[in-house]
Amino acid sequence: MDYIVAPVPMANAPEIDEMIPQFRVYPNPVTQELTLEMNGHSQELQKGLKLSLFDAKGIKADLHWVWTGSGQLEIDCANLIPGIYILAIEGGRKVFYHRVSKL
């Protein structure tokens, strides 16, 4: 199993939408599919994008996603256990985090 051991201050952490307005993650909370929209990003960044999803214990969840075109991808969340997750979006030399609730 993969684990992350790093403190993540959730209370004061800025949402990804505040840091990078070109990223949009919805719906949140999610039940089936989560959409990641990347307006204004180059195709090179989109091709090199790495996504990871971690539960509240830092355990990496299996992540299945597909490009839908126009800078969007759909992340399958149907098999996730309800709870709080952290979506890590790595592009270039930056990693952005977004808190996601699964119902």
PDB file of N, CA and C in Angstrom:
ATOM      1  N   MET A   1       0.841  -1.183   0.000  1.00  0.00           N
ATOM      2  CA  MET A   1       0.000   0.000   0.000  1.00  0.00           C
ATOM      3  C   MET A   1       0.883   1.242   0.000  1.00  0.00           C
ATOM      4  N   ASP A   2       0.387   2.300  -0.637  1.00  0.00           N
ATOM      5  CA  ASP A   2       1.102   3.571  -0.679  1.00  0.00           C
ATOM      6  C   ASP A   2       0.547   4.496   0.386  1.00  0.00           C
ATOM      7  N   TYR A   3       1.442   5.158   1.119  1.00  0.00           N
ATOM      8  CA  TYR A   3       1.036   6.075   2.174  1.00  0.00           C
ATOM      9  C   TYR A   3       1.712   7.418   1.967  1.00  0.00           C
ATOM     10  N   ILE A   4       1.035   8.469   2.399  1.00  0.00           N
ATOM     11  CA  ILE A   4       1.629   9.800   2.445  1.00  0.00           C
ATOM     12  C   ILE A   4       1.753  10.161   3.900  1.00  0.00           C
ATOM     13  N   VAL A   5       2.919  10.602   4.303  1.00  0.00           N
ATOM     14  CA  VAL A   5       3.117  11.074   5.664  1.00  0.00           C
ATOM     15  C   VAL A   5       3.520  12.535   5.557  1.00  0.00           C
ATOM     16  N   ALA A   6       2.528  13.402   5.640  1.00  0.00           N
ATOM     17  CA  ALA A   6       2.776  14.839   5.551  1.00  0.00           C
ATOM     18  C   ALA A   6       1.606  15.564   6.186  1.00  0.00           C
ATOM     19  N   PRO A   7       1.896  16.537   7.048  1.00  0.00           N
ATOM     20  CA  PRO A   7       0.795  17.302   7.631  1.00  0.00           C
ATOM     21  C   PRO A   7       0.132  18.167   6.566  1.00  0.00           C
ATOM     22  N   VAL A   8      -1.179  18.134   6.531  1.00  0.00           N
ATOM     23  CA  VAL A   8      -1.942  18.959   5.596  1.00  0.00           C
ATOM     24  C   VAL A   8      -2.931  19.776   6.408  1.00  0.00           C
ATOM     25  N   PRO A   9      -2.611  21.054   6.683  1.00  0.00           N
ATOM     26  CA  PRO A   9      -3.538  21.879   7.453  1.00  0.00           C
ATOM     27  C   PRO A   9      -4.778  22.184   6.625  1.00  0.00           C
ATOM     28  N   MET A  10      -5.892  21.562   6.971  1.00  0.00           N
ATOM     29  CA  MET A  10      -7.108  21.682   6.180  1.00  0.00           C
ATOM     30  C   MET A  10      -7.895  22.956   6.478  1.00  0.00           C
ATOM     31  N   ALA A  11      -7.878  23.409   7.720  1.00  0.00           N
ATOM     32  CA  ALA A  11      -8.733  24.526   8.105  1.00  0.00           C
ATOM     33  C   ALA A  11      -8.390  25.807   7.357  1.00  0.00           C
ATOM     34  N   ASN A  12      -7.112  26.104   7.193  1.00  0.00           N
ATOM     35  CA  ASN A  12      -6.710  27.353   6.567  1.00  0.00           C
ATOM     36  C   ASN A  12      -6.150  27.175   5.163  1.00  0.00           C
ATOM     37  N   ALA A  13      -6.221  25.978   4.633  1.00  0.00           N
ATOM     38  CA  ALA A  13      -5.666  25.730   3.302  1.00  0.00           C
ATOM     39  C   ALA A  13      -6.565  26.361   2.247  1.00  0.00           C
ATOM     40  N   PRO A  14      -5.971  27.090   1.313  1.00  0.00           N
ATOM     41  CA  PRO A  14      -6.792  27.672   0.248  1.00  0.00           C
ATOM     42  C   PRO A  14      -7.300  26.580  -0.676  1.00  0.00           C
ATOM     43  N   GLU A  15      -8.499  26.760  -1.179  1.00  0.00           N
ATOM     44  CA  GLU A  15      -9.040  25.815  -2.145  1.00  0.00           C
ATOM     45  C   GLU A  15      -8.275  25.981  -3.453  1.00  0.00           C
ATOM     46  N   ILE A  16      -8.266  24.946  -4.257  1.00  0.00           N
ATOM     47  CA  ILE A  16      -7.536  25.009  -5.519  1.00  0.00           C
ATOM     48  C   ILE A  16      -8.092  26.114  -6.407  1.00  0.00           C
ATOM     49  N   ASP A  17      -9.401  26.380  -6.329  1.00  0.00           N
ATOM     50  CA  ASP A  17     -10.000  27.420  -7.152  1.00  0.00           C
ATOM     51  C   ASP A  17      -9.462  28.797  -6.791  1.00  0.00           C
ATOM     52  N   GLU A  18      -9.034  29.002  -5.538  1.00  0.00           N
ATOM     53  CA  GLU A  18      -8.460  30.276  -5.138  1.00  0.00           C
ATOM     54  C   GLU A  18      -7.040  30.412  -5.661  1.00  0.00           C
ATOM     55  N   MET A  19      -6.316  29.308  -5.747  1.00  0.00           N
ATOM     56  CA  MET A  19      -4.916  29.353  -6.156  1.00  0.00           C
ATOM     57  C   MET A  19      -4.786  29.370  -7.678  1.00  0.00           C
ATOM     58  N   ILE A  20      -5.551  28.564  -8.363  1.00  0.00           N
ATOM     59  CA  ILE A  20      -5.483  28.447  -9.809  1.00  0.00           C
ATOM     60  C   ILE A  20      -6.906  28.512 -10.355  1.00  0.00           C
ATOM     61  N   PRO A  21      -7.357  29.677 -10.792  1.00  0.00           N
ATOM     62  CA  PRO A  21      -8.739  29.795 -11.246  1.00  0.00           C
ATOM     63  C   PRO A  21      -9.059  28.935 -12.460  1.00  0.00           C
ATOM     64  N   GLN A  22      -8.027  28.448 -13.186  1.00  0.00           N
ATOM     65  CA  GLN A  22      -8.280  27.640 -14.370  1.00  0.00           C
ATOM     66  C   GLN A  22      -8.696  26.211 -14.040  1.00  0.00           C
ATOM     67  N   PHE A  23      -8.498  25.774 -12.807  1.00  0.00           N
ATOM     68  CA  PHE A  23      -8.921  24.434 -12.395  1.00  0.00           C
ATOM     69  C   PHE A  23     -10.301  24.513 -11.760  1.00  0.00           C
ATOM     70  N   ARG A  24     -11.152  23.562 -12.103  1.00  0.00           N
ATOM     71  CA  ARG A  24     -12.469  23.476 -11.474  1.00  0.00           C
ATOM     72  C   ARG A  24     -12.766  22.000 -11.227  1.00  0.00           C
ATOM     73  N   VAL A  25     -13.156  21.660  -9.999  1.00  0.00           N
ATOM     74  CA  VAL A  25     -13.466  20.282  -9.622  1.00  0.00           C
ATOM     75  C   VAL A  25     -14.916  20.250  -9.150  1.00  0.00           C
ATOM     76  N   TYR A  26     -15.739  19.424  -9.788  1.00  0.00           N
ATOM     77  CA  TYR A  26     -17.165  19.367  -9.435  1.00  0.00           C
ATOM     78  C   TYR A  26     -17.754  18.019  -9.831  1.00  0.00           C
ATOM     79  N   PRO A  27     -18.885  17.585  -9.302  1.00  0.00           N
ATOM     80  CA  PRO A  27     -19.581  18.147  -8.136  1.00  0.00           C
ATOM     81  C   PRO A  27     -18.851  17.758  -6.856  1.00  0.00           C
ATOM     82  N   ASN A  28     -19.037  18.538  -5.858  1.00  0.00           N
ATOM     83  CA  ASN A  28     -18.430  18.250  -4.559  1.00  0.00           C
ATOM     84  C   ASN A  28     -19.438  18.622  -3.484  1.00  0.00           C
ATOM     85  N   PRO A  29     -20.032  17.651  -2.816  1.00  0.00           N
ATOM     86  CA  PRO A  29     -19.669  16.223  -2.745  1.00  0.00           C
ATOM     87  C   PRO A  29     -20.037  15.464  -4.021  1.00  0.00           C
ATOM     88  N   VAL A  30     -19.345  14.346  -4.207  1.00  0.00           N
ATOM     89  CA  VAL A  30     -19.512  13.515  -5.389  1.00  0.00           C
ATOM     90  C   VAL A  30     -20.153  12.189  -4.994  1.00  0.00           C
ATOM     91  N   THR A  31     -20.922  11.618  -5.926  1.00  0.00           N
ATOM     92  CA  THR A  31     -21.479  10.283  -5.701  1.00  0.00           C
ATOM     93  C   THR A  31     -20.951   9.284  -6.734  1.00  0.00           C
ATOM     94  N   GLN A  32     -20.884   9.682  -8.001  1.00  0.00           N
ATOM     95  CA  GLN A  32     -20.467   8.765  -9.065  1.00  0.00           C
ATOM     96  C   GLN A  32     -19.207   9.231  -9.785  1.00  0.00           C
ATOM     97  N   GLU A  33     -19.301  10.364 -10.500  1.00  0.00           N
ATOM     98  CA  GLU A  33     -18.179  10.856 -11.299  1.00  0.00           C
ATOM     99  C   GLU A  33     -17.818  12.277 -10.902  1.00  0.00           C
ATOM    100  N   LEU A  34     -16.528  12.521 -10.776  1.00  0.00           N
ATOM    101  CA  LEU A  34     -15.990  13.834 -10.462  1.00  0.00           C
ATOM    102  C   LEU A  34     -15.375  14.394 -11.739  1.00  0.00           C
ATOM    103  N   THR A  35     -15.681  15.638 -12.051  1.00  0.00           N
ATOM    104  CA  THR A  35     -15.148  16.276 -13.250  1.00  0.00           C
ATOM    105  C   THR A  35     -14.037  17.240 -12.869  1.00  0.00           C
ATOM    106  N   LEU A  36     -12.918  17.149 -13.567  1.00  0.00           N
ATOM    107  CA  LEU A  36     -11.818  18.097 -13.425  1.00  0.00           C
ATOM    108  C   LEU A  36     -11.747  18.866 -14.730  1.00  0.00           C
ATOM    109  N   GLU A  37     -11.976  20.168 -14.640  1.00  0.00           N
ATOM    110  CA  GLU A  37     -11.981  21.042 -15.809  1.00  0.00           C
ATOM    111  C   GLU A  37     -10.730  21.908 -15.762  1.00  0.00           C
ATOM    112  N   MET A  38      -9.999  21.964 -16.860  1.00  0.00           N
ATOM    113  CA  MET A  38      -8.731  22.690 -16.893  1.00  0.00           C
ATOM    114  C   MET A  38      -8.751  23.742 -17.983  1.00  0.00           C
ATOM    115  N   ASN A  39      -9.434  24.840 -17.749  1.00  0.00           N
ATOM    116  CA  ASN A  39      -9.517  25.918 -18.732  1.00  0.00           C
ATOM    117  C   ASN A  39      -8.207  26.682 -18.796  1.00  0.00           C
ATOM    118  N   GLY A  40      -7.757  26.954 -20.001  1.00  0.00           N
ATOM    119  CA  GLY A  40      -6.585  27.793 -20.187  1.00  0.00           C
ATOM    120  C   GLY A  40      -5.250  27.088 -20.052  1.00  0.00           C
ATOM    121  N   HIS A  41      -5.241  25.783 -19.813  1.00  0.00           N
ATOM    122  CA  HIS A  41      -3.965  25.076 -19.690  1.00  0.00           C
ATOM    123  C   HIS A  41      -3.556  24.497 -21.037  1.00  0.00           C
ATOM    124  N   SER A  42      -2.268  24.484 -21.273  1.00  0.00           N
ATOM    125  CA  SER A  42      -1.747  23.970 -22.536  1.00  0.00           C
ATOM    126  C   SER A  42      -1.943  22.459 -22.612  1.00  0.00           C
ATOM    127  N   GLN A  43      -1.970  21.961 -23.832  1.00  0.00           N
ATOM    128  CA  GLN A  43      -2.113  20.516 -24.022  1.00  0.00           C
ATOM    129  C   GLN A  43      -0.912  19.770 -23.464  1.00  0.00           C
ATOM    130  N   GLU A  44       0.270  20.403 -23.466  1.00  0.00           N
ATOM    131  CA  GLU A  44       1.456  19.753 -22.911  1.00  0.00           C
ATOM    132  C   GLU A  44       1.268  19.478 -21.426  1.00  0.00           C
ATOM    133  N   LEU A  45       0.713  20.461 -20.696  1.00  0.00           N
ATOM    134  CA  LEU A  45       0.460  20.272 -19.268  1.00  0.00           C
ATOM    135  C   LEU A  45      -0.587  19.192 -19.063  1.00  0.00           C
ATOM    136  N   GLN A  46      -1.650  19.214 -19.865  1.00  0.00           N
ATOM    137  CA  GLN A  46      -2.710  18.222 -19.719  1.00  0.00           C
ATOM    138  C   GLN A  46      -2.183  16.817 -19.977  1.00  0.00           C
ATOM    139  N   LYS A  47      -1.300  16.663 -20.949  1.00  0.00           N
ATOM    140  CA  LYS A  47      -0.740  15.344 -21.246  1.00  0.00           C
ATOM    141  C   LYS A  47       0.157  14.856 -20.119  1.00  0.00           C
ATOM    142  N   GLY A  48       0.870  15.778 -19.460  1.00  0.00           N
ATOM    143  CA  GLY A  48       1.782  15.406 -18.387  1.00  0.00           C
ATOM    144  C   GLY A  48       1.146  15.425 -17.016  1.00  0.00           C
ATOM    145  N   LEU A  49      -0.159  15.597 -16.953  1.00  0.00           N
ATOM    146  CA  LEU A  49      -0.864  15.695 -15.687  1.00  0.00           C
ATOM    147  C   LEU A  49      -0.862  14.361 -14.950  1.00  0.00           C
ATOM    148  N   LYS A  50      -0.588  14.412 -13.654  1.00  0.00           N
ATOM    149  CA  LYS A  50      -0.623  13.215 -12.817  1.00  0.00           C
ATOM    150  C   LYS A  50      -1.639  13.456 -11.709  1.00  0.00           C
ATOM    151  N   LEU A  51      -2.580  12.537 -11.569  1.00  0.00           N
ATOM    152  CA  LEU A  51      -3.614  12.646 -10.543  1.00  0.00           C
ATOM    153  C   LEU A  51      -3.445  11.540  -9.519  1.00  0.00           C
ATOM    154  N   SER A  52      -3.644  11.895  -8.251  1.00  0.00           N
ATOM    155  CA  SER A  52      -3.638  10.913  -7.170  1.00  0.00           C
ATOM    156  C   SER A  52      -4.767  11.264  -6.222  1.00  0.00           C
ATOM    157  N   LEU A  53      -5.350  10.249  -5.613  1.00  0.00           N
ATOM    158  CA  LEU A  53      -6.442  10.451  -4.668  1.00  0.00           C
ATOM    159  C   LEU A  53      -6.105   9.698  -3.391  1.00  0.00           C
ATOM    160  N   PHE A  54      -6.161  10.403  -2.258  1.00  0.00           N
ATOM    161  CA  PHE A  54      -5.793   9.829  -0.971  1.00  0.00           C
ATOM    162  C   PHE A  54      -6.953   9.961   0.000  1.00  0.00           C
ATOM    163  N   ASP A  55      -7.167   8.911   0.809  1.00  0.00           N
ATOM    164  CA  ASP A  55      -8.217   8.995   1.822  1.00  0.00           C
ATOM    165  C   ASP A  55      -7.691   9.745   3.044  1.00  0.00           C
ATOM    166  N   ALA A  56      -8.510   9.862   4.075  1.00  0.00           N
ATOM    167  CA  ALA A  56      -8.155  10.634   5.270  1.00  0.00           C
ATOM    168  C   ALA A  56      -6.963  10.047   6.021  1.00  0.00           C
ATOM    169  N   LYS A  57      -6.673   8.760   5.797  1.00  0.00           N
ATOM    170  CA  LYS A  57      -5.526   8.122   6.448  1.00  0.00           C
ATOM    171  C   LYS A  57      -4.252   8.237   5.613  1.00  0.00           C
ATOM    172  N   GLY A  58      -4.357   8.849   4.433  1.00  0.00           N
ATOM    173  CA  GLY A  58      -3.198   8.986   3.558  1.00  0.00           C
ATOM    174  C   GLY A  58      -2.973   7.806   2.642  1.00  0.00           C
ATOM    175  N   ILE A  59      -3.948   6.900   2.572  1.00  0.00           N
ATOM    176  CA  ILE A  59      -3.828   5.722   1.716  1.00  0.00           C
ATOM    177  C   ILE A  59      -4.283   6.090   0.307  1.00  0.00           C
ATOM    178  N   LYS A  60      -3.449   5.752  -0.663  1.00  0.00           N
ATOM    179  CA  LYS A  60      -3.745   6.073  -2.054  1.00  0.00           C
ATOM    180  C   LYS A  60      -4.867   5.178  -2.568  1.00  0.00           C
ATOM    181  N   ALA A  61      -5.891   5.800  -3.137  1.00  0.00           N
ATOM    182  CA  ALA A  61      -7.033   5.063  -3.682  1.00  0.00           C
ATOM    183  C   ALA A  61      -6.780   4.758  -5.157  1.00  0.00           C
ATOM    184  N   ASP A  62      -7.377   3.668  -5.637  1.00  0.00           N
ATOM    185  CA  ASP A  62      -7.325   3.380  -7.068  1.00  0.00           C
ATOM    186  C   ASP A  62      -8.095   4.468  -7.790  1.00  0.00           C
ATOM    187  N   LEU A  63      -7.504   4.986  -8.845  1.00  0.00           N
ATOM    188  CA  LEU A  63      -8.103   6.106  -9.553  1.00  0.00           C
ATOM    189  C   LEU A  63      -8.236   5.755 -11.025  1.00  0.00           C
ATOM    190  N   HIS A  64      -9.455   5.805 -11.525  1.00  0.00           N
ATOM    191  CA  HIS A  64      -9.725   5.535 -12.934  1.00  0.00           C
ATOM    192  C   HIS A  64     -10.346   6.789 -13.531  1.00  0.00           C
ATOM    193  N   TRP A  65      -9.708   7.304 -14.585  1.00  0.00           N
ATOM    194  CA  TRP A  65     -10.218   8.516 -15.199  1.00  0.00           C
ATOM    195  C   TRP A  65     -10.050   8.454 -16.699  1.00  0.00           C
ATOM    196  N   VAL A  66     -10.834   9.302 -17.392  1.00  0.00           N
ATOM    197  CA  VAL A  66     -10.814   9.322 -18.845  1.00  0.00           C
ATOM    198  C   VAL A  66     -10.970  10.769 -19.316  1.00  0.00           C
ATOM    199  N   TRP A  67     -10.215  11.128 -20.367  1.00  0.00           N
ATOM    200  CA  TRP A  67     -10.371  12.446 -20.974  1.00  0.00           C
ATOM    201  C   TRP A  67     -11.693  12.493 -21.712  1.00  0.00           C
ATOM    202  N   THR A  68     -12.435  13.587 -21.538  1.00  0.00           N
ATOM    203  CA  THR A  68     -13.691  13.757 -22.263  1.00  0.00           C
ATOM    204  C   THR A  68     -13.551  14.817 -23.345  1.00  0.00           C
ATOM    205  N   GLY A  69     -12.387  15.413 -23.471  1.00  0.00           N
ATOM    206  CA  GLY A  69     -12.144  16.455 -24.461  1.00  0.00           C
ATOM    207  C   GLY A  69     -12.349  17.834 -23.865  1.00  0.00           C
ATOM    208  N   SER A  70     -11.935  18.850 -24.596  1.00  0.00           N
ATOM    209  CA  SER A  70     -12.092  20.250 -24.182  1.00  0.00           C
ATOM    210  C   SER A  70     -11.485  20.521 -22.815  1.00  0.00           C
ATOM    211  N   GLY A  71     -10.389  19.861 -22.487  1.00  0.00           N
ATOM    212  CA  GLY A  71      -9.722  20.118 -21.218  1.00  0.00           C
ATOM    213  C   GLY A  71     -10.448  19.569 -20.009  1.00  0.00           C
ATOM    214  N   GLN A  72     -11.291  18.567 -20.189  1.00  0.00           N
ATOM    215  CA  GLN A  72     -12.021  17.958 -19.070  1.00  0.00           C
ATOM    216  C   GLN A  72     -11.653  16.491 -18.953  1.00  0.00           C
ATOM    217  N   LEU A  73     -11.668  16.011 -17.717  1.00  0.00           N
ATOM    218  CA  LEU A  73     -11.580  14.574 -17.510  1.00  0.00           C
ATOM    219  C   LEU A  73     -12.562  14.170 -16.430  1.00  0.00           C
ATOM    220  N   GLU A  74     -13.035  12.944 -16.537  1.00  0.00           N
ATOM    221  CA  GLU A  74     -13.999  12.386 -15.588  1.00  0.00           C
ATOM    222  C   GLU A  74     -13.285  11.352 -14.732  1.00  0.00           C
ATOM    223  N   ILE A  75     -13.448  11.484 -13.408  1.00  0.00           N
ATOM    224  CA  ILE A  75     -12.837  10.566 -12.457  1.00  0.00           C
ATOM    225  C   ILE A  75     -13.943   9.693 -11.876  1.00  0.00           C
ATOM    226  N   ASP A  76     -13.803   8.383 -12.010  1.00  0.00           N
ATOM    227  CA  ASP A  76     -14.802   7.443 -11.500  1.00  0.00           C
ATOM    228  C   ASP A  76     -14.657   7.311  -9.989  1.00  0.00           C
ATOM    229  N   CYS A  77     -15.682   7.722  -9.256  1.00  0.00           N
ATOM    230  CA  CYS A  77     -15.671   7.664  -7.789  1.00  0.00           C
ATOM    231  C   CYS A  77     -16.726   6.708  -7.242  1.00  0.00           C
ATOM    232  N   ALA A  78     -17.390   5.976  -8.118  1.00  0.00           N
ATOM    233  CA  ALA A  78     -18.502   5.124  -7.706  1.00  0.00           C
ATOM    234  C   ALA A  78     -18.097   4.073  -6.678  1.00  0.00           C
ATOM    235  N   ASN A  79     -16.890   3.529  -6.769  1.00  0.00           N
ATOM    236  CA  ASN A  79     -16.467   2.452  -5.872  1.00  0.00           C
ATOM    237  C   ASN A  79     -15.738   2.931  -4.629  1.00  0.00           C
ATOM    238  N   LEU A  80     -15.627   4.241  -4.453  1.00  0.00           N
ATOM    239  CA  LEU A  80     -14.966   4.767  -3.261  1.00  0.00           C
ATOM    240  C   LEU A  80     -15.878   4.670  -2.050  1.00  0.00           C
ATOM    241  N   ILE A  81     -15.292   4.424  -0.905  1.00  0.00           N
ATOM    242  CA  ILE A  81     -16.032   4.413   0.358  1.00  0.00           C
ATOM    243  C   ILE A  81     -16.356   5.860   0.714  1.00  0.00           C
ATOM    244  N   PRO A  82     -17.570   6.148   1.188  1.00  0.00           N
ATOM    245  CA  PRO A  82     -17.901   7.524   1.574  1.00  0.00           C
ATOM    246  C   PRO A  82     -16.912   8.079   2.593  1.00  0.00           C
ATOM    247  N   GLY A  83     -16.544   9.345   2.405  1.00  0.00           N
ATOM    248  CA  GLY A  83     -15.601  10.000   3.306  1.00  0.00           C
ATOM    249  C   GLY A  83     -14.940  11.188   2.639  1.00  0.00           C
ATOM    250  N   ILE A  84     -13.878  11.669   3.267  1.00  0.00           N
ATOM    251  CA  ILE A  84     -13.121  12.815   2.769  1.00  0.00           C
ATOM    252  C   ILE A  84     -11.861  12.311   2.065  1.00  0.00           C
ATOM    253  N   TYR A  85     -11.575  12.873   0.904  1.00  0.00           N
ATOM    254  CA  TYR A  85     -10.408  12.513   0.111  1.00  0.00           C
ATOM    255  C   TYR A  85      -9.653  13.778  -0.286  1.00  0.00           C
ATOM    256  N   ILE A  86      -8.386  13.607  -0.596  1.00  0.00           N
ATOM    257  CA  ILE A  86      -7.566  14.688  -1.124  1.00  0.00           C
ATOM    258  C   ILE A  86      -7.169  14.307  -2.548  1.00  0.00           C
ATOM    259  N   LEU A  87      -7.547  15.153  -3.498  1.00  0.00           N
ATOM    260  CA  LEU A  87      -7.158  14.970  -4.891  1.00  0.00           C
ATOM    261  C   LEU A  87      -5.890  15.783  -5.122  1.00  0.00           C
ATOM    262  N   ALA A  88      -4.807  15.114  -5.485  1.00  0.00           N
ATOM    263  CA  ALA A  88      -3.540  15.779  -5.790  1.00  0.00           C
ATOM    264  C   ALA A  88      -3.421  15.888  -7.303  1.00  0.00           C
ATOM    265  N   ILE A  89      -3.240  17.104  -7.781  1.00  0.00           N
ATOM    266  CA  ILE A  89      -3.114  17.374  -9.205  1.00  0.00           C
ATOM    267  C   ILE A  89      -1.691  17.873  -9.433  1.00  0.00           C
ATOM    268  N   GLU A  90      -0.895  17.051 -10.098  1.00  0.00           N
ATOM    269  CA  GLU A  90       0.510  17.393 -10.321  1.00  0.00           C
ATOM    270  C   GLU A  90       0.715  17.736 -11.788  1.00  0.00           C
ATOM    271  N   GLY A  91       1.196  18.936 -12.027  1.00  0.00           N
ATOM    272  CA  GLY A  91       1.453  19.386 -13.391  1.00  0.00           C
ATOM    273  C   GLY A  91       2.677  20.266 -13.409  1.00  0.00           C
ATOM    274  N   GLY A  92       3.626  19.925 -14.240  1.00  0.00           N
ATOM    275  CA  GLY A  92       4.871  20.685 -14.260  1.00  0.00           C
ATOM    276  C   GLY A  92       5.616  20.465 -12.962  1.00  0.00           C
ATOM    277  N   ARG A  93       6.004  21.562 -12.304  1.00  0.00           N
ATOM    278  CA  ARG A  93       6.729  21.452 -11.038  1.00  0.00           C
ATOM    279  C   ARG A  93       5.843  21.789  -9.847  1.00  0.00           C
ATOM    280  N   LYS A  94       4.540  21.835 -10.039  1.00  0.00           N
ATOM    281  CA  LYS A  94       3.631  22.203  -8.955  1.00  0.00           C
ATOM    282  C   LYS A  94       2.648  21.075  -8.678  1.00  0.00           C
ATOM    283  N   VAL A  95       2.255  20.972  -7.418  1.00  0.00           N
ATOM    284  CA  VAL A  95       1.214  20.032  -7.018  1.00  0.00           C
ATOM    285  C   VAL A  95       0.141  20.844  -6.306  1.00  0.00           C
ATOM    286  N   PHE A  96      -1.099  20.670  -6.734  1.00  0.00           N
ATOM    287  CA  PHE A  96      -2.230  21.360  -6.130  1.00  0.00           C
ATOM    288  C   PHE A  96      -3.138  20.323  -5.488  1.00  0.00           C
ATOM    289  N   TYR A  97      -3.700  20.677  -4.349  1.00  0.00           N
ATOM    290  CA  TYR A  97      -4.541  19.758  -3.588  1.00  0.00           C
ATOM    291  C   TYR A  97      -5.953  20.308  -3.508  1.00  0.00           C
ATOM    292  N   HIS A  98      -6.905  19.392  -3.594  1.00  0.00           N
ATOM    293  CA  HIS A  98      -8.309  19.773  -3.487  1.00  0.00           C
ATOM    294  C   HIS A  98      -9.023  18.739  -2.622  1.00  0.00           C
ATOM    295  N   ARG A  99      -9.745  19.203  -1.631  1.00  0.00           N
ATOM    296  CA  ARG A  99     -10.501  18.305  -0.753  1.00  0.00           C
ATOM    297  C   ARG A  99     -11.810  17.928  -1.443  1.00  0.00           C
ATOM    298  N   VAL A 100     -12.108  16.630  -1.452  1.00  0.00           N
ATOM    299  CA  VAL A 100     -13.303  16.101  -2.101  1.00  0.00           C
ATOM    300  C   VAL A 100     -14.063  15.245  -1.103  1.00  0.00           C
ATOM    301  N   SER A 101     -15.373  15.425  -1.037  1.00  0.00           N
ATOM    302  CA  SER A 101     -16.233  14.596  -0.182  1.00  0.00           C
ATOM    303  C   SER A 101     -16.954  13.578  -1.046  1.00  0.00           C
ATOM    304  N   LYS A 102     -16.947  12.323  -0.629  1.00  0.00           N
ATOM    305  CA  LYS A 102     -17.661  11.249  -1.326  1.00  0.00           C
ATOM    306  C   LYS A 102     -18.850  10.848  -0.479  1.00  0.00           C
ATOM    307  N   LEU A 103     -20.038  10.908  -1.063  1.00  0.00           N
ATOM    308  CA  LEU A 103     -21.260  10.498  -0.353  1.00  0.00           C
ATOM    309  C   LEU A 103     -21.568   9.041  -0.629  1.00  0.00           C
TER     310      LEU A 103
END
